[in-house]
Amino acid sequence: GEIHRLELADAAPDDVEGWSEWLPEHLLLVPLRRSRGDFLGFVLYAREEPWTERELVLLSRLHATYGY
């Protein structure tokens, strides 16, 4: 139920080649839930720079709003 940071450096050896070919180094997997808690799915964000704590807070708030 929480935001997960995914880093290329932590990927399994079998996944590194495909990941580095198609995606940036830093991924963020954010769950999307309805206001009453029902799970709707995930949103995947990808970029070259690491995610900051401030950005995680803002994305968490944004996705809570999307749930309504």
N, C-alpha and C. Protein backbone atom coordinates (compact mmCIF):
# COMPACT_ATOMS: atom_id res chain seq x y z
N GLY A 1 0.77 -1.20 0.00
CA GLY A 1 0.00 0.00 0.00
C GLY A 1 0.82 1.27 0.00
N GLU A 2 2.13 1.17 0.04
CA GLU A 2 3.00 2.34 0.10
C GLU A 2 3.67 2.59 -1.25
N ILE A 3 4.25 3.77 -1.39
CA ILE A 3 5.05 4.10 -2.56
C ILE A 3 6.35 3.32 -2.52
N HIS A 4 6.74 2.77 -3.66
CA HIS A 4 7.99 2.00 -3.74
C HIS A 4 8.94 2.64 -4.73
N ARG A 5 10.17 2.85 -4.28
CA ARG A 5 11.23 3.31 -5.18
C ARG A 5 11.89 2.07 -5.78
N LEU A 6 12.09 2.09 -7.06
CA LEU A 6 12.77 1.01 -7.75
C LEU A 6 13.99 1.60 -8.46
N GLU A 7 15.16 1.04 -8.20
CA GLU A 7 16.40 1.57 -8.76
C GLU A 7 17.06 0.51 -9.64
N LEU A 8 17.59 0.93 -10.76
CA LEU A 8 18.28 0.02 -11.67
C LEU A 8 19.40 -0.72 -10.95
N ALA A 9 20.11 -0.04 -10.06
CA ALA A 9 21.22 -0.66 -9.32
C ALA A 9 20.76 -1.84 -8.46
N ASP A 10 19.49 -1.86 -8.06
CA ASP A 10 18.96 -2.93 -7.21
C ASP A 10 18.25 -4.03 -8.00
N ALA A 11 18.18 -3.89 -9.30
CA ALA A 11 17.45 -4.84 -10.14
C ALA A 11 18.18 -6.18 -10.22
N ALA A 12 17.40 -7.23 -10.43
CA ALA A 12 17.98 -8.57 -10.62
C ALA A 12 18.80 -8.57 -11.91
N PRO A 13 19.88 -9.32 -11.94
CA PRO A 13 20.73 -9.35 -13.14
C PRO A 13 19.96 -9.65 -14.43
N ASP A 14 18.96 -10.50 -14.36
CA ASP A 14 18.18 -10.84 -15.56
C ASP A 14 17.34 -9.66 -16.07
N ASP A 15 17.06 -8.69 -15.21
CA ASP A 15 16.20 -7.56 -15.57
C ASP A 15 16.98 -6.32 -16.03
N VAL A 16 18.26 -6.26 -15.73
CA VAL A 16 19.05 -5.06 -15.99
C VAL A 16 19.09 -4.68 -17.46
N GLU A 17 19.29 -5.62 -18.34
CA GLU A 17 19.42 -5.31 -19.77
C GLU A 17 18.15 -4.68 -20.33
N GLY A 18 17.01 -5.31 -20.09
CA GLY A 18 15.74 -4.77 -20.58
C GLY A 18 15.39 -3.44 -19.95
N TRP A 19 15.63 -3.33 -18.64
CA TRP A 19 15.33 -2.09 -17.93
C TRP A 19 16.16 -0.95 -18.51
N SER A 20 17.47 -1.15 -18.64
CA SER A 20 18.33 -0.07 -19.12
C SER A 20 18.05 0.30 -20.58
N GLU A 21 17.48 -0.63 -21.33
CA GLU A 21 17.14 -0.34 -22.72
C GLU A 21 15.87 0.50 -22.84
N TRP A 22 14.88 0.25 -21.97
CA TRP A 22 13.56 0.86 -22.13
C TRP A 22 13.18 1.89 -21.09
N LEU A 23 13.84 1.89 -19.94
CA LEU A 23 13.43 2.77 -18.84
C LEU A 23 14.60 3.55 -18.27
N PRO A 24 14.33 4.72 -17.67
CA PRO A 24 15.37 5.45 -16.96
C PRO A 24 15.79 4.69 -15.69
N GLU A 25 16.78 5.20 -15.03
CA GLU A 25 17.38 4.52 -13.88
C GLU A 25 16.48 4.48 -12.64
N HIS A 26 15.62 5.47 -12.46
CA HIS A 26 14.82 5.58 -11.23
C HIS A 26 13.33 5.46 -11.55
N LEU A 27 12.68 4.51 -10.88
CA LEU A 27 11.24 4.30 -11.05
C LEU A 27 10.54 4.51 -9.71
N LEU A 28 9.29 4.85 -9.81
CA LEU A 28 8.48 5.03 -8.62
C LEU A 28 7.14 4.36 -8.89
N LEU A 29 6.76 3.44 -8.03
CA LEU A 29 5.50 2.72 -8.17
C LEU A 29 4.56 3.22 -7.07
N VAL A 30 3.48 3.88 -7.51
CA VAL A 30 2.57 4.53 -6.57
C VAL A 30 1.19 3.86 -6.65
N PRO A 31 0.70 3.33 -5.52
CA PRO A 31 -0.63 2.71 -5.54
C PRO A 31 -1.72 3.76 -5.66
N LEU A 32 -2.80 3.39 -6.29
CA LEU A 32 -3.97 4.26 -6.43
C LEU A 32 -5.16 3.54 -5.79
N ARG A 33 -5.75 4.20 -4.79
CA ARG A 33 -6.88 3.62 -4.06
C ARG A 33 -8.05 4.58 -4.05
N ARG A 34 -9.24 4.02 -3.99
CA ARG A 34 -10.43 4.85 -3.80
C ARG A 34 -10.41 5.42 -2.39
N SER A 35 -11.23 6.43 -2.13
CA SER A 35 -11.25 7.07 -0.82
C SER A 35 -11.61 6.10 0.30
N ARG A 36 -12.35 5.06 -0.01
CA ARG A 36 -12.71 4.07 1.02
C ARG A 36 -11.69 2.94 1.12
N GLY A 37 -10.60 3.02 0.36
CA GLY A 37 -9.51 2.07 0.49
C GLY A 37 -9.42 0.99 -0.56
N ASP A 38 -10.40 0.87 -1.44
CA ASP A 38 -10.36 -0.16 -2.49
C ASP A 38 -9.20 0.11 -3.44
N PHE A 39 -8.47 -0.94 -3.75
CA PHE A 39 -7.32 -0.82 -4.64
C PHE A 39 -7.77 -0.69 -6.09
N LEU A 40 -7.25 0.33 -6.79
CA LEU A 40 -7.58 0.54 -8.20
C LEU A 40 -6.45 0.10 -9.14
N GLY A 41 -5.22 0.27 -8.71
CA GLY A 41 -4.08 -0.07 -9.55
C GLY A 41 -2.84 0.69 -9.12
N PHE A 42 -1.85 0.71 -10.00
CA PHE A 42 -0.60 1.41 -9.73
C PHE A 42 -0.34 2.41 -10.84
N VAL A 43 0.42 3.44 -10.50
CA VAL A 43 0.95 4.38 -11.49
C VAL A 43 2.47 4.26 -11.41
N LEU A 44 3.11 4.14 -12.56
CA LEU A 44 4.56 4.02 -12.62
C LEU A 44 5.14 5.31 -13.18
N TYR A 45 6.02 5.92 -12.41
CA TYR A 45 6.74 7.11 -12.86
C TYR A 45 8.19 6.71 -13.10
N ALA A 46 8.80 7.29 -14.13
CA ALA A 46 10.18 6.97 -14.47
C ALA A 46 10.94 8.25 -14.80
N ARG A 47 12.18 8.34 -14.30
CA ARG A 47 13.02 9.49 -14.64
C ARG A 47 14.48 9.19 -14.33
N GLU A 48 15.34 10.09 -14.77
CA GLU A 48 16.79 9.91 -14.63
C GLU A 48 17.30 10.28 -13.23
N GLU A 49 16.68 11.24 -12.56
CA GLU A 49 17.13 11.70 -11.25
C GLU A 49 16.42 10.92 -10.13
N PRO A 50 17.10 10.73 -9.00
CA PRO A 50 16.43 10.07 -7.86
C PRO A 50 15.26 10.91 -7.35
N TRP A 51 14.29 10.25 -6.74
CA TRP A 51 13.12 10.92 -6.18
C TRP A 51 13.47 11.48 -4.81
N THR A 52 13.00 12.67 -4.51
CA THR A 52 13.24 13.28 -3.20
C THR A 52 12.08 12.94 -2.26
N GLU A 53 12.33 13.10 -0.98
CA GLU A 53 11.28 12.86 0.02
C GLU A 53 10.12 13.81 -0.18
N ARG A 54 10.41 15.05 -0.52
CA ARG A 54 9.36 16.04 -0.76
C ARG A 54 8.46 15.60 -1.93
N GLU A 55 9.06 15.10 -2.97
CA GLU A 55 8.28 14.63 -4.12
C GLU A 55 7.41 13.44 -3.75
N LEU A 56 7.91 12.57 -2.90
CA LEU A 56 7.12 11.42 -2.46
C LEU A 56 5.88 11.87 -1.68
N VAL A 57 6.05 12.88 -0.82
CA VAL A 57 4.92 13.42 -0.06
C VAL A 57 3.89 14.02 -1.01
N LEU A 58 4.37 14.81 -1.96
CA LEU A 58 3.46 15.46 -2.91
C LEU A 58 2.72 14.43 -3.77
N LEU A 59 3.43 13.41 -4.24
CA LEU A 59 2.77 12.37 -5.05
C LEU A 59 1.77 11.58 -4.22
N SER A 60 2.09 11.34 -2.97
CA SER A 60 1.16 10.64 -2.09
C SER A 60 -0.13 11.44 -1.94
N ARG A 61 -0.01 12.74 -1.74
CA ARG A 61 -1.19 13.60 -1.63
C ARG A 61 -1.97 13.65 -2.94
N LEU A 62 -1.24 13.76 -4.05
CA LEU A 62 -1.88 13.80 -5.35
C LEU A 62 -2.69 12.53 -5.61
N HIS A 63 -2.12 11.39 -5.29
CA HIS A 63 -2.82 10.12 -5.55
C HIS A 63 -3.98 9.92 -4.58
N ALA A 64 -3.87 10.46 -3.38
CA ALA A 64 -5.03 10.42 -2.47
C ALA A 64 -6.18 11.23 -3.06
N THR A 65 -5.85 12.35 -3.69
CA THR A 65 -6.88 13.16 -4.36
C THR A 65 -7.47 12.42 -5.55
N TYR A 66 -6.62 11.78 -6.34
CA TYR A 66 -7.12 11.01 -7.49
C TYR A 66 -8.11 9.92 -7.05
N GLY A 67 -7.92 9.39 -5.84
CA GLY A 67 -8.79 8.33 -5.35
C GLY A 67 -10.23 8.77 -5.12
N TYR A 68 -10.44 10.06 -4.97
CA TYR A 68 -11.79 10.55 -4.79
C TYR A 68 -12.50 10.64 -6.12
